[in-house]
Protein backbone atom coordinates (compact mmCIF):
# COMPACT_ATOMS: atom_id res chain seq x y z
CA UNK A 1 42.47 -24.47 16.70
CA UNK A 2 38.97 -23.68 15.85
CA UNK A 3 36.68 -22.58 18.77
CA UNK A 4 33.28 -23.83 19.43
CA UNK A 5 31.71 -20.74 18.16
CA UNK A 6 33.87 -20.65 14.95
CA UNK A 7 31.99 -21.37 11.91
CA UNK A 8 33.02 -22.07 8.17
CA UNK A 9 32.00 -19.87 5.24
CA UNK A 10 29.86 -22.80 3.91
CA UNK A 11 28.05 -23.15 7.03
CA UNK A 12 27.48 -19.51 7.18
CA UNK A 13 26.21 -19.56 3.79
CA UNK A 14 23.80 -22.48 4.55
CA UNK A 15 22.41 -20.40 7.45
CA UNK A 16 21.61 -17.47 5.20
CA UNK A 17 20.02 -19.71 2.80
CA UNK A 18 17.79 -21.47 5.47
CA UNK A 19 16.81 -17.89 6.60
CA UNK A 20 15.78 -17.03 3.15
CA UNK A 21 13.95 -20.15 2.57
CA UNK A 22 12.06 -19.50 5.79
CA UNK A 23 11.17 -15.95 4.79
CA UNK A 24 9.72 -17.50 1.46
CA UNK A 25 7.80 -20.10 3.08
CA UNK A 26 6.21 -17.33 5.43
CA UNK A 27 5.46 -15.39 2.34
CA UNK A 28 3.85 -18.34 0.86
CA UNK A 29 1.70 -19.12 3.90
CA UNK A 30 0.95 -15.55 3.99
CA UNK A 31 -0.59 -15.58 0.67
CA UNK A 32 -2.39 -18.74 1.23
CA UNK A 33 -4.16 -17.32 4.43
CA UNK A 34 -5.38 -14.64 2.42
CA UNK A 35 -7.02 -16.60 -0.30
CA UNK A 36 -8.41 -19.14 2.27
CA UNK A 37 -10.05 -16.41 4.07
CA UNK A 38 -13.95 -16.29 4.09
CA UNK A 39 -14.92 -13.61 1.37
CA UNK A 40 -17.01 -11.52 3.91
CA UNK A 41 -14.20 -11.50 6.18
CA UNK A 42 -11.70 -10.39 3.52
CA UNK A 43 -13.79 -7.80 2.34
CA UNK A 44 -14.66 -6.39 5.77
CA UNK A 45 -10.98 -6.36 6.82
CA UNK A 46 -10.30 -4.57 3.25
CA UNK A 47 -12.54 -1.80 4.32
CA UNK A 48 -10.91 -1.36 7.63
CA UNK A 49 -7.46 -0.98 5.78
CA UNK A 50 -8.97 1.41 3.36
CA UNK A 51 -9.88 3.68 6.39
CA UNK A 52 -6.48 3.08 8.06
CA UNK A 53 -4.60 4.33 4.84
CA UNK A 54 -7.05 7.33 4.61
CA UNK A 55 -6.62 8.03 8.38
CA UNK A 56 -2.80 7.82 7.72
CA UNK A 57 -3.30 10.33 4.87
CA UNK A 58 -5.26 12.85 7.04
CA UNK A 59 -2.21 12.59 9.41
CA UNK A 60 0.20 13.44 6.80
CA UNK A 61 -1.89 16.56 5.59
CA UNK A 62 -2.19 17.56 9.28
CA UNK A 63 1.60 17.60 9.90
CA UNK A 64 2.71 18.99 6.84
CA UNK A 65 0.40 22.00 6.44
CA UNK A 66 2.16 25.09 7.27
CA UNK A 67 5.17 23.43 8.01
CA UNK A 68 8.59 25.48 7.77
CA UNK A 69 10.78 22.62 8.35
CA UNK A 70 12.15 22.60 4.62
CA UNK A 71 10.94 20.40 1.85
CA UNK A 72 13.03 17.41 2.78
CA UNK A 73 12.33 17.28 6.50
CA UNK A 74 8.72 18.23 5.93
CA UNK A 75 8.00 14.99 3.88
CA UNK A 76 10.02 12.94 6.11
CA UNK A 77 7.93 14.11 8.86
CA UNK A 78 4.84 13.57 6.94
CA UNK A 79 6.32 9.96 5.76
CA UNK A 80 6.80 8.94 9.65
CA UNK A 81 3.16 10.09 10.28
CA UNK A 82 1.82 8.20 7.00
CA UNK A 83 3.49 4.76 8.34
CA UNK A 84 0.55 4.92 10.90
CA UNK A 85 -1.73 3.24 8.04
CA UNK A 86 0.42 0.21 7.40
CA UNK A 87 1.05 -0.02 11.40
CA UNK A 88 -2.82 -0.19 11.84
CA UNK A 89 -3.23 -2.66 9.18
CA UNK A 90 -0.59 -5.10 10.77
CA UNK A 91 -1.50 -4.30 14.42
CA UNK A 92 -5.43 -4.07 14.40
CA UNK A 93 -5.59 -6.60 11.45
CA UNK A 94 -6.60 -5.77 7.64
CA UNK A 95 -6.39 -6.58 4.09
CA UNK A 96 -4.36 -4.16 1.97
CA UNK A 97 -4.30 -4.45 -1.81
CA UNK A 98 -0.59 -3.48 -2.18
CA UNK A 99 0.57 -6.22 0.40
CA UNK A 100 -1.91 -8.83 -0.70
CA UNK A 101 -0.12 -9.03 -4.22
CA UNK A 102 2.43 -11.06 -2.35
CA UNK A 103 -0.07 -13.89 -3.22
CA UNK A 104 2.13 -14.23 -6.23
CA UNK A 105 4.53 -16.40 -4.10
CA UNK A 106 1.69 -18.82 -3.19
CA UNK A 107 0.48 -18.89 -6.98
CA UNK A 108 4.10 -19.62 -8.37
CA UNK A 109 4.38 -22.28 -5.71
CA UNK A 110 1.27 -23.88 -7.46
CA UNK A 111 -0.87 -23.81 -4.18
CA UNK A 112 -3.53 -21.42 -5.75
CA UNK A 113 -4.94 -20.75 -9.09
CA UNK A 114 -4.68 -17.44 -11.21
CA UNK A 115 -8.51 -17.17 -10.71
CA UNK A 116 -8.44 -17.53 -7.01
CA UNK A 117 -5.34 -14.85 -6.94
CA UNK A 118 -7.22 -12.30 -9.19
CA UNK A 119 -10.62 -12.83 -7.08
CA UNK A 120 -8.70 -12.27 -3.93
CA UNK A 121 -6.98 -9.08 -5.48
CA UNK A 122 -10.42 -7.68 -6.87
CA UNK A 123 -12.30 -8.19 -3.58
CA UNK A 124 -9.34 -6.48 -1.53
CA UNK A 125 -9.25 -3.46 -3.63
CA UNK A 126 -12.91 -3.01 -3.88
CA UNK A 127 -13.02 -3.32 -0.13
CA UNK A 128 -10.16 -0.73 0.33
CA UNK A 129 -11.99 1.72 -2.19
CA UNK A 130 -15.15 1.36 0.15
CA UNK A 131 -13.10 2.07 3.18
CA UNK A 132 -11.39 4.98 1.48
CA UNK A 133 -14.55 6.58 0.25
CA UNK A 134 -16.22 6.14 3.74
CA UNK A 135 -13.65 8.49 5.33
CA UNK A 136 -13.90 10.89 2.34
CA UNK A 137 -17.50 11.27 3.28
CA UNK A 138 -16.67 11.56 7.10
CA UNK A 139 -14.00 14.12 6.70
CA UNK A 140 -16.28 16.20 4.27
CA UNK A 141 -19.13 16.09 6.83
CA UNK A 142 -16.62 17.05 9.62
CA UNK A 143 -15.22 19.77 7.39
CA UNK A 144 -11.58 19.42 8.00
CA UNK A 145 -10.63 20.98 4.92
CA UNK A 146 -11.55 24.39 6.84
CA UNK A 147 -8.63 23.60 9.45
CA UNK A 148 -5.99 26.12 9.72
CA UNK A 149 -8.16 28.78 8.00
CA UNK A 150 -8.57 26.74 4.95
CA UNK A 151 -4.75 25.84 4.49
CA UNK A 152 -5.31 22.35 5.36
CA UNK A 153 -7.92 21.83 2.54
CA UNK A 154 -5.70 23.80 0.11
CA UNK A 155 -2.84 21.28 0.85
CA UNK A 156 -5.22 18.43 0.08
CA UNK A 157 -6.05 20.07 -3.28
CA UNK A 158 -2.57 20.77 -4.14
CA UNK A 159 -1.63 17.10 -3.22
CA UNK A 160 -4.50 15.84 -5.44
CA UNK A 161 -3.71 18.11 -8.44
CA UNK A 162 -0.10 17.14 -8.37
CA UNK A 163 -0.82 13.47 -8.61
CA UNK A 164 -2.71 14.13 -11.88
CA UNK A 165 0.13 16.02 -13.52
CA UNK A 166 2.27 12.83 -13.84
CA UNK A 167 2.63 11.15 -17.25
CA UNK A 168 1.19 7.79 -17.40
CA UNK A 169 4.79 6.30 -17.75
CA UNK A 170 5.75 8.46 -14.65
CA UNK A 171 2.76 7.22 -12.63
CA UNK A 172 3.31 3.61 -13.55
CA UNK A 173 7.05 3.76 -12.53
CA UNK A 174 6.30 5.69 -9.10
CA UNK A 175 3.69 2.89 -8.47
CA UNK A 176 6.21 0.29 -9.18
CA UNK A 177 8.68 2.12 -6.71
CA UNK A 178 6.25 2.48 -4.09
CA UNK A 179 5.06 -1.01 -3.61
CA UNK A 180 8.63 -2.30 -3.81
CA UNK A 181 9.03 -0.39 -0.57
CA UNK A 182 5.83 -1.54 0.85
CA UNK A 183 6.35 -5.32 0.20
CA UNK A 184 9.81 -4.85 1.43
CA UNK A 185 8.56 -3.52 4.73
CA UNK A 186 5.98 -6.49 4.90
CA UNK A 187 8.93 -8.99 3.87
CA UNK A 188 10.89 -7.71 6.76
CA UNK A 189 8.10 -8.37 9.13
CA UNK A 190 8.45 -11.97 8.19
CA UNK A 191 11.76 -12.17 10.19
CA UNK A 192 9.95 -11.67 13.51
CA UNK A 193 6.96 -12.87 15.43
CA UNK A 194 6.84 -9.80 17.98
CA UNK A 195 4.28 -7.30 16.89
CA UNK A 196 5.97 -4.17 17.98
CA UNK A 197 9.00 -5.02 15.89
CA UNK A 198 6.81 -5.68 12.86
CA UNK A 199 5.25 -2.08 13.39
CA UNK A 200 8.80 -0.52 14.06
CA UNK A 201 10.12 -2.33 10.69
CA UNK A 202 7.51 -0.91 8.23
CA UNK A 203 8.17 2.90 9.40
CA UNK A 204 11.23 3.74 7.34
CA UNK A 205 10.22 2.10 4.12
CA UNK A 206 6.84 3.75 4.36
CA UNK A 207 8.40 6.97 5.43
CA UNK A 208 10.83 6.66 2.33
CA UNK A 209 8.38 6.27 -0.44
CA UNK A 210 6.13 9.02 0.94
CA UNK A 211 9.04 11.40 1.21
CA UNK A 212 10.30 10.61 -2.33
CA UNK A 213 6.67 10.99 -3.65
CA UNK A 214 5.92 7.61 -4.99
CA UNK A 215 2.45 6.65 -5.71
CA UNK A 216 0.26 4.24 -3.60
CA UNK A 217 -2.99 3.21 -5.27
CA UNK A 218 -5.01 2.65 -2.09
CA UNK A 219 -3.76 5.99 -0.73
CA UNK A 220 -4.84 7.69 -3.97
CA UNK A 221 -8.37 6.03 -3.79
CA UNK A 222 -8.66 8.44 -0.72
CA UNK A 223 -6.62 11.51 -1.78
CA UNK A 224 -8.13 11.79 -5.01
CA UNK A 225 -11.77 11.50 -4.40
CA UNK A 226 -11.21 13.92 -1.31
CA UNK A 227 -9.78 16.30 -3.62
CA UNK A 228 -12.62 16.15 -5.93
CA UNK A 229 -15.15 16.63 -3.25
CA UNK A 230 -13.32 19.66 -1.92
CA UNK A 231 -13.27 20.99 -5.36
CA UNK A 232 -16.94 20.39 -6.04
CA UNK A 233 -18.57 20.74 -2.65
CA UNK A 234 -16.56 22.96 -0.44
CA UNK A 235 -18.50 26.44 -0.05
CA UNK A 236 -17.60 29.44 -2.06
CA UNK A 237 -16.65 31.11 1.31
CA UNK A 238 -13.61 28.41 1.52
CA UNK A 239 -12.15 29.78 -1.79
CA UNK A 240 -12.75 33.39 -0.96
CA UNK A 241 -10.86 33.15 2.36
CA UNK A 242 -7.91 31.59 0.38
CA UNK A 243 -8.31 34.19 -2.45
CA UNK A 244 -8.25 31.47 -5.05
CA UNK A 245 -10.77 30.11 -7.77
CA UNK A 246 -12.46 26.91 -7.71
CA UNK A 247 -11.50 26.58 -11.39
CA UNK A 248 -7.87 26.37 -10.53
CA UNK A 249 -8.60 22.79 -9.62
CA UNK A 250 -11.00 22.15 -12.49
CA UNK A 251 -8.65 19.18 -13.70
CA UNK A 252 -9.09 17.27 -10.26
CA UNK A 253 -12.03 15.41 -11.43
CA UNK A 254 -12.97 11.63 -11.91
CA UNK A 255 -11.87 10.90 -15.43
CA UNK A 256 -8.34 12.31 -14.83
CA UNK A 257 -8.13 10.43 -11.42
CA UNK A 258 -9.16 7.20 -13.07
CA UNK A 259 -6.97 7.27 -16.23
CA UNK A 260 -4.11 9.47 -15.25
CA UNK A 261 -3.49 7.98 -11.90
CA UNK A 262 -5.47 5.06 -10.47
CA UNK A 263 -5.00 2.63 -13.57
CA UNK A 264 -1.25 3.14 -14.15
CA UNK A 265 -0.45 3.39 -10.46
CA UNK A 266 -2.28 0.20 -9.60
CA UNK A 267 -0.63 -1.54 -12.45
CA UNK A 268 2.87 -0.42 -10.96
CA UNK A 269 1.96 -1.43 -7.60
CA UNK A 270 1.26 -5.01 -8.90
CA UNK A 271 4.58 -5.23 -10.60
CA UNK A 272 6.45 -3.66 -7.76
CA UNK A 273 5.04 -6.14 -5.12
CA UNK A 274 4.00 -9.19 -7.06
CA UNK A 275 6.70 -9.55 -9.73
CA UNK A 276 9.62 -7.49 -8.47
CA UNK A 277 9.63 -8.75 -4.64
CA UNK A 278 7.28 -11.68 -4.66
CA UNK A 279 8.49 -13.57 -7.82
CA UNK A 280 11.89 -11.88 -7.44
CA UNK A 281 12.61 -13.64 -4.19
CA UNK A 282 11.11 -16.74 -5.29
CA UNK A 283 13.54 -16.90 -8.19
CA UNK A 284 16.46 -16.20 -6.03
CA UNK A 285 15.47 -19.34 -3.87
CA UNK A 286 14.57 -21.53 -6.74
CA UNK A 287 17.17 -20.52 -9.35
CA UNK A 288 14.82 -20.26 -12.38
CA UNK A 289 11.06 -20.64 -13.29
CA UNK A 290 11.84 -23.92 -15.00
CA UNK A 291 10.34 -25.84 -12.33
CA UNK A 292 7.00 -23.96 -12.36
CA UNK A 293 4.15 -25.83 -14.36
CA UNK A 294 0.60 -24.25 -14.15
CA UNK A 295 -0.88 -27.59 -15.07
CA UNK A 296 0.27 -28.96 -11.69
CA UNK A 297 -1.30 -26.41 -9.41
CA UNK A 298 -2.99 -28.04 -6.21
CA UNK A 299 -6.08 -26.45 -5.71
CA UNK A 300 -6.40 -25.43 -1.90
CA UNK A 301 -9.40 -26.35 0.30
CA UNK A 302 -10.68 -22.66 0.78
CA UNK A 303 -12.79 -21.84 3.74
CA UNK A 304 -16.51 -20.77 3.00
CA UNK A 305 -18.32 -18.34 4.91
CA UNK A 306 -20.12 -21.11 6.60
CA UNK A 307 -16.81 -22.42 8.12
């Protein structure tokens, strides 16, 4: 005899499907809210997010500089520290490009046009860049690169230089892997309404991509300009104290930053988040893309700044 709590395999599978559908519908609304948000609000929140990610990188450099915990453990500790960035985005509120690409779910559900989606992505990306560059300015003025007898700044230079030594394909693939994890972290937060739980859920995915050396375009919008700033504007005494030459980091420049890292990593982040996670889960739920018809997109009522 079956008990009241017993459940057939079919019923269990239906519950799993309902849970997946709920997560997908939440992702749909998540993307819709991003597109509907007034442009000035979206841009301002994107500036905050750029600053949050930069703050997280400062935390990462601070806890890994001079560490003798071993390669893996040092990077794990740094990854935990870096997760502060996404936690701030979630808890304090922000618009982060790497999670904004999940609007692909809203687009494939025909609720927004490709034009609206791309406008949202560009607005958030530029806002993130402004926030990251603002933090570069503040940290240079604060001379944080001189911490730990200059070792802090040397760590930053080594990180920036390492990012520029990837091949184009390697940077692209590392970008895909990074945003798969970031967007999986965000996707997991759709399962709960509790803010503390949301923050806890993103820690390990972020720590994993940082520890493994995956590439995050917004983090790089801080790290690469900061490396360039240190290489060009740190006083000669900084390099003399470290017994290194400024020319050792001559490859840390704007051209290499843009073409060897930011372009392939940004494209990889888009594929990892928008395609692998966003469209991937949509495909799992819907079975195929045969139901998608771009001619039947329902244009949403987008809030204006006056609203």
